[in-house]
């Protein structure tokens, strides 16, 4: 969430920013009116409580006291009603874009900022990753569907080894950079998930577990993490970090779950867009200061590039326009690897800054040397979305006979240099 004082003092800037995100700017005025009303109601309630306490201290608690009790109860109900409406509007106001974010209505207006690597040329008919996966006996979608339904699959044999090779490469690289390694929980309290801010613009993609309380029937209780970031960002909830320990960098591995609602027919072949996948994620907690977010953002992006470059896979970097930014996001880049069978770049990595939007919701602060506290800024980025990276390797490293070479950087982890077709 945004600081209400900042919104009040910079209302036009906030309106302009959220308008660029396709959000109704009138929400800002509505929020400020509700905040004033809530403040007035709160003060009235507190005055009534103070008056009743004074009467009680004087031993004159009688008819006046009983009347005050009723007024206090009524004022409290009204105060709660106004505050709930205020919170409802507050949740609808997203983080506003950084000044350098290009304005645009949707992904069609994202801006390419870089390309790296030479697109491979093949002299034979290409096989896509699912054809290769079946030929090599490393991907089994048919049996996955029997077990769990569509958009699930088995990774098998060398693909399993290749997955853990990617995880080892990412962790070794990032630990050397000073990152702390984490395997976080994948079951999240509903309140935590709400505080992250991804649901407020709609598009809840999470799976959840339900329970049946004694009264009230079923209701959401735990949610399955949609990415390791969802568990890493709340790591320091309700904590005050020491300034001397900032920035704090974490790398986490997690199995992730997404319903992928609204994507029917989009990238459904194979394992590109599935309901369960593994991911290595980076999260940074930094001290807010001039240009700090941009510097840290570029740092995390450089690490993503480093990891993809070691695999020798061509990629493109795009900068998201205002209309394609998520609710808590102020700036975002995508790294899109080359997929030969489709003849285009597709997203495999992203990296975002959420400034203090999430830290305010989760109450994550730092204390400086003078004892003053303020909210940290939080950034996140993909190290490897394992399934999508496996696809890029299979397609870019395929050979005429259907075999696939293993990127040199991974061979020390896999123990093999090539995956060959198998008789099944």
Protein backbone atom coordinates (compact mmCIF):
# COMPACT_ATOMS: atom_id res chain seq x y z
CA UNK A 1 0.00 0.00 0.00
CA UNK A 2 1.01 3.61 -0.41
CA UNK A 3 1.60 5.98 2.52
CA UNK A 4 -1.57 8.02 3.02
CA UNK A 5 0.46 11.16 3.74
CA UNK A 6 2.36 10.67 0.49
CA UNK A 7 -0.93 10.26 -1.39
CA UNK A 8 -2.32 13.43 0.21
CA UNK A 9 0.79 15.48 -0.58
CA UNK A 10 1.25 14.03 -4.10
CA UNK A 11 -2.31 13.25 -5.13
CA UNK A 12 -1.89 14.41 -8.74
CA UNK A 13 1.26 12.33 -9.18
CA UNK A 14 -0.47 9.28 -7.76
CA UNK A 15 -3.53 9.86 -9.97
CA UNK A 16 -1.34 10.13 -13.04
CA UNK A 17 0.56 6.97 -12.09
CA UNK A 18 -2.45 4.79 -11.44
CA UNK A 19 -4.22 6.12 -14.54
CA UNK A 20 -1.25 4.84 -16.52
CA UNK A 21 -1.92 1.45 -14.90
CA UNK A 22 -5.51 1.57 -16.19
CA UNK A 23 -6.92 2.28 -12.69
CA UNK A 24 -9.65 4.87 -12.05
CA UNK A 25 -7.92 7.98 -10.58
CA UNK A 26 -11.10 9.00 -8.72
CA UNK A 27 -10.20 6.31 -6.18
CA UNK A 28 -7.55 8.69 -4.83
CA UNK A 29 -10.12 11.39 -3.99
CA UNK A 30 -12.46 8.79 -2.53
CA UNK A 31 -9.67 7.42 -0.35
CA UNK A 32 -8.76 10.86 1.00
CA UNK A 33 -12.39 11.65 1.83
CA UNK A 34 -12.78 8.32 3.61
CA UNK A 35 -9.54 8.85 5.53
CA UNK A 36 -10.76 12.24 6.75
CA UNK A 37 -14.12 10.77 7.70
CA UNK A 38 -12.49 7.84 9.50
CA UNK A 39 -10.17 10.23 11.39
CA UNK A 40 -13.14 12.37 12.45
CA UNK A 41 -15.14 9.31 13.53
CA UNK A 42 -12.15 7.99 15.46
CA UNK A 43 -11.67 11.27 17.30
CA UNK A 44 -15.39 11.44 18.16
CA UNK A 45 -15.27 7.88 19.50
CA UNK A 46 -12.17 8.63 21.57
CA UNK A 47 -13.77 11.78 23.03
CA UNK A 48 -16.85 9.82 24.10
CA UNK A 49 -14.65 7.16 25.73
CA UNK A 50 -12.65 9.85 27.53
CA UNK A 51 -15.85 11.52 28.79
CA UNK A 52 -17.24 8.21 30.06
CA UNK A 53 -13.96 7.44 31.83
CA UNK A 54 -14.02 10.85 33.52
CA UNK A 55 -17.57 10.24 34.76
CA UNK A 56 -16.63 6.81 36.03
CA UNK A 57 -13.58 8.18 37.89
CA UNK A 58 -15.76 10.78 39.58
CA UNK A 59 -18.15 8.06 40.73
CA UNK A 60 -21.04 9.57 38.78
CA UNK A 61 -21.71 6.64 36.48
CA UNK A 62 -25.52 6.77 36.09
CA UNK A 63 -28.00 7.50 33.37
CA UNK A 64 -25.49 9.76 31.59
CA UNK A 65 -22.94 6.93 31.70
CA UNK A 66 -25.41 4.47 30.23
CA UNK A 67 -26.28 6.92 27.47
CA UNK A 68 -22.61 7.45 26.72
CA UNK A 69 -22.11 3.68 26.56
CA UNK A 70 -24.74 3.46 23.82
CA UNK A 71 -23.22 6.41 21.96
CA UNK A 72 -19.77 4.84 22.21
CA UNK A 73 -21.09 1.55 20.84
CA UNK A 74 -22.78 3.33 17.95
CA UNK A 75 -19.68 5.46 17.25
CA UNK A 76 -17.47 2.37 17.29
CA UNK A 77 -19.70 0.59 14.79
CA UNK A 78 -19.70 3.62 12.50
CA UNK A 79 -15.93 3.99 12.85
CA UNK A 80 -15.42 0.33 11.95
CA UNK A 81 -17.75 0.64 8.96
CA UNK A 82 -15.90 3.67 7.59
CA UNK A 83 -12.49 2.09 8.20
CA UNK A 84 -13.46 -1.10 6.35
CA UNK A 85 -14.58 0.97 3.37
CA UNK A 86 -11.33 2.93 3.57
CA UNK A 87 -9.31 -0.31 3.56
CA UNK A 88 -11.34 -1.60 0.61
CA UNK A 89 -10.48 1.47 -1.48
CA UNK A 90 -6.89 1.51 -0.23
CA UNK A 91 -6.38 -2.04 -1.53
CA UNK A 92 -7.56 -1.00 -5.00
CA UNK A 93 -4.88 1.67 -5.37
CA UNK A 94 -1.74 0.10 -6.87
CA UNK A 95 1.87 1.09 -6.57
CA UNK A 96 2.48 3.81 -9.14
CA UNK A 97 5.07 3.31 -11.89
CA UNK A 98 8.64 4.57 -11.60
CA UNK A 99 9.37 7.70 -13.63
CA UNK A 100 11.37 5.79 -16.24
CA UNK A 101 8.64 3.24 -17.05
CA UNK A 102 7.28 3.67 -20.61
CA UNK A 103 3.59 4.47 -20.79
CA UNK A 104 1.37 1.98 -22.59
CA UNK A 105 -1.93 0.18 -22.31
CA UNK A 106 -0.84 -3.49 -22.43
CA UNK A 107 1.97 -5.92 -23.29
CA UNK A 108 1.88 -4.88 -26.96
CA UNK A 109 3.52 -1.62 -25.90
CA UNK A 110 6.38 -3.11 -23.87
CA UNK A 111 9.79 -1.88 -24.99
CA UNK A 112 12.72 -4.01 -26.12
CA UNK A 113 15.92 -2.80 -24.45
CA UNK A 114 18.46 -5.49 -25.39
CA UNK A 115 19.19 -8.65 -27.33
CA UNK A 116 22.03 -11.06 -26.60
CA UNK A 117 23.38 -14.11 -28.37
CA UNK A 118 23.31 -15.50 -31.87
CA UNK A 119 20.11 -17.25 -32.90
CA UNK A 120 21.06 -20.83 -33.85
CA UNK A 121 20.54 -22.03 -37.41
CA UNK A 122 19.41 -25.60 -38.01
CA UNK A 123 19.79 -27.59 -41.23
CA UNK A 124 17.16 -30.17 -40.26
CA UNK A 125 13.51 -30.21 -39.34
CA UNK A 126 13.10 -29.06 -35.74
CA UNK A 127 11.30 -30.96 -33.03
CA UNK A 128 9.54 -28.99 -30.29
CA UNK A 129 10.26 -29.70 -26.64
CA UNK A 130 7.38 -32.17 -26.24
CA UNK A 131 8.45 -34.22 -29.27
CA UNK A 132 12.00 -34.23 -27.91
CA UNK A 133 10.81 -35.01 -24.40
CA UNK A 134 8.90 -38.07 -25.60
CA UNK A 135 11.69 -39.24 -27.90
CA UNK A 136 14.26 -38.92 -25.09
CA UNK A 137 11.83 -40.28 -22.45
CA UNK A 138 12.32 -37.26 -20.20
CA UNK A 139 8.83 -35.67 -20.32
CA UNK A 140 5.58 -37.60 -19.93
CA UNK A 141 2.45 -35.46 -20.28
CA UNK A 142 0.08 -38.34 -21.05
CA UNK A 143 0.66 -40.12 -17.75
CA UNK A 144 0.68 -36.82 -15.87
CA UNK A 145 -2.80 -36.12 -17.22
CA UNK A 146 -4.00 -39.54 -16.06
CA UNK A 147 -2.83 -38.73 -12.56
CA UNK A 148 -3.73 -35.05 -12.12
CA UNK A 149 -5.49 -33.79 -15.25
CA UNK A 150 -4.40 -31.37 -17.94
CA UNK A 151 -1.32 -29.16 -17.54
CA UNK A 152 0.50 -31.62 -15.31
CA UNK A 153 3.37 -33.86 -16.35
CA UNK A 154 6.20 -36.08 -15.25
CA UNK A 155 9.84 -35.08 -15.61
CA UNK A 156 11.91 -38.25 -15.97
CA UNK A 157 15.43 -39.59 -16.24
CA UNK A 158 17.98 -37.02 -17.50
CA UNK A 159 15.49 -34.16 -17.25
CA UNK A 160 15.36 -34.68 -13.48
CA UNK A 161 19.15 -34.55 -13.27
CA UNK A 162 19.15 -31.50 -15.54
CA UNK A 163 16.65 -29.73 -13.26
CA UNK A 164 18.84 -30.18 -10.21
CA UNK A 165 21.87 -29.11 -12.25
CA UNK A 166 20.10 -25.81 -12.96
CA UNK A 167 19.23 -25.43 -9.28
CA UNK A 168 22.84 -26.08 -8.27
CA UNK A 169 24.15 -23.61 -10.84
CA UNK A 170 21.79 -20.91 -9.58
CA UNK A 171 22.56 -21.48 -5.90
CA UNK A 172 26.30 -21.70 -6.43
CA UNK A 173 26.29 -18.47 -8.46
CA UNK A 174 24.10 -16.53 -6.03
CA UNK A 175 25.66 -17.79 -2.80
CA UNK A 176 28.99 -16.56 -4.22
CA UNK A 177 27.27 -13.16 -4.59
CA UNK A 178 26.38 -13.18 -0.89
CA UNK A 179 22.80 -14.47 -1.12
CA UNK A 180 21.40 -16.53 1.78
CA UNK A 181 19.82 -19.79 0.64
CA UNK A 182 16.28 -20.73 1.67
CA UNK A 183 13.76 -23.50 1.07
CA UNK A 184 10.53 -21.78 2.17
CA UNK A 185 7.08 -23.15 3.02
CA UNK A 186 4.66 -23.53 0.11
CA UNK A 187 1.50 -23.33 2.24
CA UNK A 188 0.72 -19.70 3.01
CA UNK A 189 -1.69 -18.17 5.46
CA UNK A 190 -4.49 -16.40 3.59
CA UNK A 191 -3.71 -13.08 5.29
CA UNK A 192 -0.08 -13.23 4.12
CA UNK A 193 -1.13 -13.82 0.54
CA UNK A 194 -3.54 -10.88 0.63
CA UNK A 195 -0.86 -8.58 2.02
CA UNK A 196 1.46 -9.30 -0.92
CA UNK A 197 -0.94 -7.29 -3.07
CA UNK A 198 -1.22 -9.50 -6.15
CA UNK A 199 -4.94 -10.19 -5.77
CA UNK A 200 -6.16 -6.62 -5.45
CA UNK A 201 -6.43 -6.05 -9.18
CA UNK A 202 -8.18 -9.40 -9.63
CA UNK A 203 -6.71 -12.45 -11.34
CA UNK A 204 -6.24 -14.69 -8.30
CA UNK A 205 -4.29 -17.62 -9.75
CA UNK A 206 -3.66 -19.48 -6.50
CA UNK A 207 -4.80 -22.89 -5.44
CA UNK A 208 -6.01 -23.11 -1.88
CA UNK A 209 -6.79 -25.72 0.74
CA UNK A 210 -10.10 -25.50 2.56
CA UNK A 211 -11.26 -26.58 5.97
CA UNK A 212 -14.69 -26.88 7.51
CA UNK A 213 -15.03 -24.91 10.73
CA UNK A 214 -17.80 -25.93 13.09
CA UNK A 215 -19.90 -23.04 11.88
CA UNK A 216 -19.90 -21.40 8.47
CA UNK A 217 -19.04 -24.20 6.09
CA UNK A 218 -15.99 -24.12 3.85
CA UNK A 219 -13.70 -21.13 3.58
CA UNK A 220 -10.13 -20.54 2.32
CA UNK A 221 -7.45 -21.20 4.89
CA UNK A 222 -4.08 -21.99 3.31
CA UNK A 223 -2.93 -21.04 -0.18
CA UNK A 224 -0.30 -22.82 -2.26
CA UNK A 225 2.56 -20.52 -3.23
CA UNK A 226 2.42 -19.32 -6.84
CA UNK A 227 6.18 -18.63 -6.76
CA UNK A 228 8.96 -18.83 -4.15
CA UNK A 229 8.76 -15.03 -3.97
CA UNK A 230 5.38 -15.36 -2.21
CA UNK A 231 7.12 -17.10 0.70
CA UNK A 232 10.39 -15.15 0.67
CA UNK A 233 8.95 -11.61 0.73
CA UNK A 234 7.08 -12.17 4.05
CA UNK A 235 10.18 -13.71 5.66
CA UNK A 236 10.71 -10.60 7.82
CA UNK A 237 7.04 -9.77 8.48
CA UNK A 238 6.60 -7.53 11.58
CA UNK A 239 10.38 -7.15 11.96
CA UNK A 240 12.78 -4.21 12.17
CA UNK A 241 16.08 -4.93 10.43
CA UNK A 242 19.36 -3.27 11.30
CA UNK A 243 20.55 -0.77 8.70
CA UNK A 244 24.05 -2.26 8.82
CA UNK A 245 22.62 -5.60 7.61
CA UNK A 246 21.06 -4.11 4.47
CA UNK A 247 20.82 -5.05 1.72
CA UNK A 248 19.67 -8.58 2.49
CA UNK A 249 19.62 -11.01 -0.41
CA UNK A 250 17.87 -14.36 -0.48
CA UNK A 251 17.71 -17.16 -3.03
CA UNK A 252 14.94 -19.69 -2.56
CA UNK A 253 13.86 -22.89 -4.26
CA UNK A 254 10.19 -23.84 -4.28
CA UNK A 255 7.62 -25.93 -6.02
CA UNK A 256 4.93 -23.51 -7.22
CA UNK A 257 1.26 -23.84 -8.11
CA UNK A 258 -0.96 -21.74 -10.39
CA UNK A 259 -4.46 -22.30 -11.71
CA UNK A 260 -3.64 -20.36 -14.90
CA UNK A 261 -7.26 -19.23 -15.13
CA UNK A 262 -8.05 -17.33 -18.29
CA UNK A 263 -5.21 -18.86 -20.32
CA UNK A 264 -7.19 -21.61 -22.02
CA UNK A 265 -5.54 -22.54 -25.29
CA UNK A 266 -2.42 -20.43 -24.59
CA UNK A 267 0.93 -22.30 -24.44
CA UNK A 268 -0.87 -25.46 -23.35
CA UNK A 269 1.33 -27.87 -25.28
CA UNK A 270 3.98 -29.53 -23.16
CA UNK A 271 5.32 -27.99 -19.96
CA UNK A 272 5.58 -24.27 -20.73
CA UNK A 273 2.43 -23.24 -18.85
CA UNK A 274 1.54 -25.83 -16.24
CA UNK A 275 -0.21 -25.90 -12.87
CA UNK A 276 2.83 -27.16 -10.95
CA UNK A 277 6.44 -26.16 -11.57
CA UNK A 278 9.71 -25.54 -9.77
CA UNK A 279 11.46 -22.20 -9.52
CA UNK A 280 14.56 -20.57 -8.06
CA UNK A 281 13.80 -17.00 -6.98
CA UNK A 282 15.80 -13.99 -5.76
CA UNK A 283 14.49 -11.45 -3.23
CA UNK A 284 16.23 -8.27 -1.98
CA UNK A 285 15.47 -6.09 1.02
CA UNK A 286 17.21 -2.73 0.65
CA UNK A 287 17.43 0.67 2.31
CA UNK A 288 15.37 3.27 0.42
CA UNK A 289 17.57 6.06 -0.90
CA UNK A 290 18.06 7.95 -4.14
CA UNK A 291 18.53 5.62 -7.13
CA UNK A 292 18.80 2.59 -4.80
CA UNK A 293 15.88 0.75 -6.39
CA UNK A 294 17.17 1.30 -9.91
CA UNK A 295 20.67 0.19 -8.93
CA UNK A 296 19.43 -2.97 -7.18
CA UNK A 297 17.02 -3.66 -10.02
CA UNK A 298 19.85 -3.52 -12.55
CA UNK A 299 21.95 -5.75 -10.30
CA UNK A 300 19.30 -8.49 -10.14
CA UNK A 301 18.76 -8.18 -13.89
CA UNK A 302 22.51 -8.59 -14.46
CA UNK A 303 22.44 -11.82 -12.42
CA UNK A 304 19.59 -13.16 -14.56
CA UNK A 305 21.58 -12.32 -17.67
CA UNK A 306 24.67 -13.98 -16.23
CA UNK A 307 22.79 -17.21 -15.58
CA UNK A 308 21.23 -17.32 -19.05
CA UNK A 309 24.50 -16.39 -20.72
CA UNK A 310 26.29 -19.31 -19.03
CA UNK A 311 23.76 -21.57 -20.76
CA UNK A 312 24.58 -19.87 -24.09
CA UNK A 313 20.91 -19.35 -24.92
CA UNK A 314 19.97 -16.21 -26.92
CA UNK A 315 17.60 -13.85 -25.14
CA UNK A 316 15.83 -10.53 -25.33
CA UNK A 317 15.11 -8.06 -22.50
CA UNK A 318 11.87 -6.10 -22.50
CA UNK A 319 10.80 -3.32 -20.17
CA UNK A 320 7.16 -3.50 -19.12
CA UNK A 321 4.96 -0.52 -19.94
CA UNK A 322 2.67 1.00 -17.31
CA UNK A 323 -0.39 -0.98 -18.39
CA UNK A 324 1.44 -4.32 -18.07
CA UNK A 325 2.74 -3.77 -14.53
CA UNK A 326 1.31 -5.80 -11.67
CA UNK A 327 -0.56 -4.19 -8.78
CA UNK A 328 2.44 -3.90 -6.37
CA UNK A 329 5.06 -3.32 -9.08
CA UNK A 330 6.78 -0.01 -9.83
CA UNK A 331 9.13 -1.26 -12.58
CA UNK A 332 9.61 -4.63 -14.26
CA UNK A 333 11.84 -6.28 -16.85
CA UNK A 334 11.34 -9.62 -18.58
CA UNK A 335 14.11 -11.81 -19.91
CA UNK A 336 12.76 -13.76 -22.87
CA UNK A 337 14.71 -16.76 -24.14
CA UNK A 338 14.72 -17.86 -27.78
CA UNK A 339 12.46 -20.79 -28.65
CA UNK A 340 13.51 -22.09 -32.11
CA UNK A 341 10.38 -24.09 -32.96
CA UNK A 342 8.22 -20.99 -32.50
CA UNK A 343 10.76 -18.58 -33.97
CA UNK A 344 10.33 -16.09 -31.17
CA UNK A 345 11.43 -15.01 -27.71
CA UNK A 346 9.26 -16.07 -24.77
CA UNK A 347 9.34 -15.07 -21.12
CA UNK A 348 11.50 -17.21 -18.86
CA UNK A 349 12.55 -14.63 -16.25
CA UNK A 350 11.20 -11.43 -14.74
CA UNK A 351 12.60 -8.94 -12.24
CA UNK A 352 10.59 -6.28 -10.38
CA UNK A 353 10.83 -3.58 -7.77
CA UNK A 354 7.84 -3.08 -5.48
CA UNK A 355 9.45 -0.18 -3.53
CA UNK A 356 7.82 -0.03 -0.07
CA UNK A 357 4.38 -1.16 -1.26
CA UNK A 358 4.66 -4.68 0.19
CA UNK A 359 6.79 -3.77 3.20
CA UNK A 360 4.06 -1.41 4.44
CA UNK A 361 1.49 -4.19 4.21
CA UNK A 362 3.80 -6.68 5.92
CA UNK A 363 5.30 -4.17 8.39
CA UNK A 364 8.94 -4.75 7.44
CA UNK A 365 11.16 -1.88 8.54
CA UNK A 366 14.80 -1.03 9.19
CA UNK A 367 16.36 1.10 11.95
CA UNK A 368 19.16 3.52 11.11
CA UNK A 369 22.12 4.49 13.30
CA UNK A 370 20.10 7.31 14.88
CA UNK A 371 17.28 4.99 15.90
CA UNK A 372 14.84 6.18 13.24
CA UNK A 373 12.76 3.50 11.51
CA UNK A 374 11.39 3.40 7.97
CA UNK A 375 10.06 0.78 5.57
CA UNK A 376 12.50 -1.24 3.47
CA UNK A 377 12.14 -1.55 -0.29
CA UNK A 378 11.65 -5.03 -1.74
CA UNK A 379 12.68 -6.42 -5.13
CA UNK A 380 12.28 -9.87 -6.64
CA UNK A 381 13.62 -11.70 -9.67
CA UNK A 382 13.70 -15.13 -11.29
CA UNK A 383 16.93 -17.10 -11.17
CA UNK A 384 15.45 -20.05 -13.07
CA UNK A 385 11.88 -21.03 -13.87
CA UNK A 386 13.04 -24.60 -14.24
CA UNK A 387 10.47 -25.99 -16.68
CA UNK A 388 10.76 -23.12 -19.14
CA UNK A 389 14.55 -23.23 -18.96
CA UNK A 390 14.51 -26.96 -19.68
CA UNK A 391 12.38 -26.27 -22.77
CA UNK A 392 14.88 -23.65 -23.98
CA UNK A 393 17.77 -26.09 -23.49
CA UNK A 394 16.03 -28.94 -25.29
CA UNK A 395 15.07 -26.83 -28.29
CA UNK A 396 18.27 -24.81 -28.66
CA UNK A 397 20.63 -27.76 -28.12
CA UNK A 398 18.79 -30.38 -30.22
CA UNK A 399 20.63 -32.42 -32.84
CA UNK A 400 19.48 -33.97 -36.12
CA UNK A 401 19.14 -37.47 -34.63
CA UNK A 402 16.89 -36.18 -31.84
CA UNK A 403 19.59 -36.13 -29.19
CA UNK A 404 20.18 -33.02 -27.08
CA UNK A 405 23.55 -31.71 -25.97
CA UNK A 406 23.92 -30.54 -22.37
CA UNK A 407 25.19 -26.95 -21.93
CA UNK A 408 28.84 -27.12 -20.95
CA UNK A 409 28.30 -25.24 -17.68
CA UNK A 410 25.87 -27.94 -16.50
CA UNK A 411 27.94 -30.99 -17.41
CA UNK A 412 29.88 -30.99 -14.15
CA UNK A 413 26.57 -31.29 -12.30
CA UNK A 414 24.90 -33.81 -14.62
CA UNK A 415 27.80 -36.19 -15.25
CA UNK A 416 26.73 -36.53 -18.91
CA UNK A 417 27.20 -34.42 -22.04
CA UNK A 418 24.29 -35.59 -24.14
CA UNK A 419 20.79 -37.02 -23.82
CA UNK A 420 20.09 -39.65 -26.49
CA UNK A 421 16.81 -41.08 -27.84
CA UNK A 422 15.60 -44.25 -26.13
CA UNK A 423 13.69 -47.31 -27.20
CA UNK A 424 10.41 -47.25 -25.26
